[in-house]
Amino acid sequence: MARRCEICNKGVVAGVQYSHSHRQSKRTWAPNIKKVKAIVKGTPKTVHVCTRCLRSEKFKELYKKSLAKMQFNNCIFILHKNKG
């Protein structure tokens, strides 16, 4: 699965983890990415989106609008979340 959100471009971040004795080890933090079926520019497509973007007001407003009105060419409409 892609490790980058296609909406906000959030991706994996690298850093250093410190133990109690201050020993260091490198590690990464990955965003919570979900696969979502969406209508992008009038065509259905699977999009990788982070959960923060899924909860955002922009997505909620787009989801409430009717999917029959697809004259918004640059908007993303969520059809449903993939299970799994």
Protein backbone atom coordinates (compact mmCIF):
# COMPACT_ATOMS: atom_id res chain seq x y z
CA MET A 1 0.00 0.00 0.00
CA ALA A 2 1.18 3.53 -0.68
CA ARG A 3 2.70 5.28 2.32
CA ARG A 4 1.63 8.76 1.23
CA CYS A 5 -1.71 10.55 1.42
CA GLU A 6 -2.88 11.71 -2.00
CA ILE A 7 -4.71 14.72 -0.51
CA CYS A 8 -2.28 16.30 1.96
CA ASN A 9 0.90 14.49 0.79
CA LYS A 10 1.62 13.25 4.33
CA GLY A 11 4.21 10.46 4.33
CA VAL A 12 6.64 8.46 6.45
CA VAL A 13 8.82 10.45 8.87
CA ALA A 14 12.21 9.21 10.12
CA GLY A 15 13.63 9.97 13.54
CA VAL A 16 15.51 8.67 16.56
CA GLN A 17 14.02 6.72 19.47
CA TYR A 18 15.72 7.10 22.87
CA SER A 19 15.67 4.46 25.60
CA HIS A 20 15.71 5.23 29.32
CA SER A 21 19.52 4.91 29.36
CA HIS A 22 19.60 7.29 26.37
CA ARG A 23 20.68 4.72 23.79
CA GLN A 24 19.53 5.68 20.32
CA SER A 25 17.90 3.65 17.59
CA LYS A 26 16.53 4.86 14.29
CA ARG A 27 12.84 4.36 13.59
CA THR A 28 10.06 5.60 11.34
CA TRP A 29 6.55 6.89 11.95
CA ALA A 30 3.98 6.05 9.27
CA PRO A 31 0.67 7.85 8.72
CA ASN A 32 -2.62 5.97 9.06
CA ILE A 33 -3.41 5.47 5.36
CA LYS A 34 -6.71 3.96 4.17
CA LYS A 35 -7.83 2.87 0.70
CA VAL A 36 -11.00 4.70 -0.32
CA LYS A 37 -13.05 4.40 -3.48
CA ALA A 38 -13.74 7.89 -4.80
CA ILE A 39 -14.90 9.70 -7.89
CA VAL A 40 -12.03 11.84 -9.14
CA LYS A 41 -12.73 14.10 -12.13
CA GLY A 42 -15.80 12.04 -13.01
CA THR A 43 -14.17 8.58 -12.95
CA PRO A 44 -14.22 6.06 -10.06
CA LYS A 45 -10.77 5.43 -8.63
CA THR A 46 -9.11 3.94 -5.53
CA VAL A 47 -7.38 6.68 -3.55
CA HIS A 48 -4.96 6.37 -0.60
CA VAL A 49 -6.05 8.89 2.04
CA CYS A 50 -4.92 9.48 5.63
CA THR A 51 -7.56 9.30 8.35
CA ARG A 52 -7.12 12.98 9.17
CA CYS A 53 -8.22 13.91 5.65
CA LEU A 54 -11.12 11.43 5.85
CA ARG A 55 -12.37 13.20 8.98
CA SER A 56 -11.88 16.69 7.54
CA GLU A 57 -14.82 18.99 6.90
CA LYS A 58 -13.99 19.20 3.21
CA PHE A 59 -14.61 15.48 2.73
CA LYS A 60 -17.78 15.52 4.83
CA GLU A 61 -19.25 18.37 2.77
CA LEU A 62 -18.40 16.61 -0.50
CA TYR A 63 -19.92 13.35 0.74
CA LYS A 64 -23.20 15.05 1.68
CA LYS A 65 -23.65 16.49 -1.83
CA SER A 66 -25.45 14.36 -4.37
CA LEU A 67 -23.18 12.08 -6.40
CA ALA A 68 -25.53 12.51 -9.37
CA LYS A 69 -24.33 16.09 -9.77
CA MET A 70 -20.79 15.56 -11.00
CA GLN A 71 -20.12 18.90 -12.65
CA PHE A 72 -17.35 19.50 -10.08
CA ASN A 73 -14.38 18.29 -12.12
CA ASN A 74 -11.65 18.81 -9.51
CA CYS A 75 -13.57 17.53 -6.46
CA ILE A 76 -13.25 14.12 -4.84
CA PHE A 77 -16.42 12.29 -3.80
CA ILE A 78 -16.12 9.28 -1.51
CA LEU A 79 -18.20 6.28 -2.58
CA HIS A 80 -17.41 3.97 0.34
CA LYS A 81 -14.48 2.78 2.44
CA ASN A 82 -12.88 -0.51 1.49
CA LYS A 83 -13.14 -3.17 4.16
CA GLY A 84 -9.84 -4.71 5.14
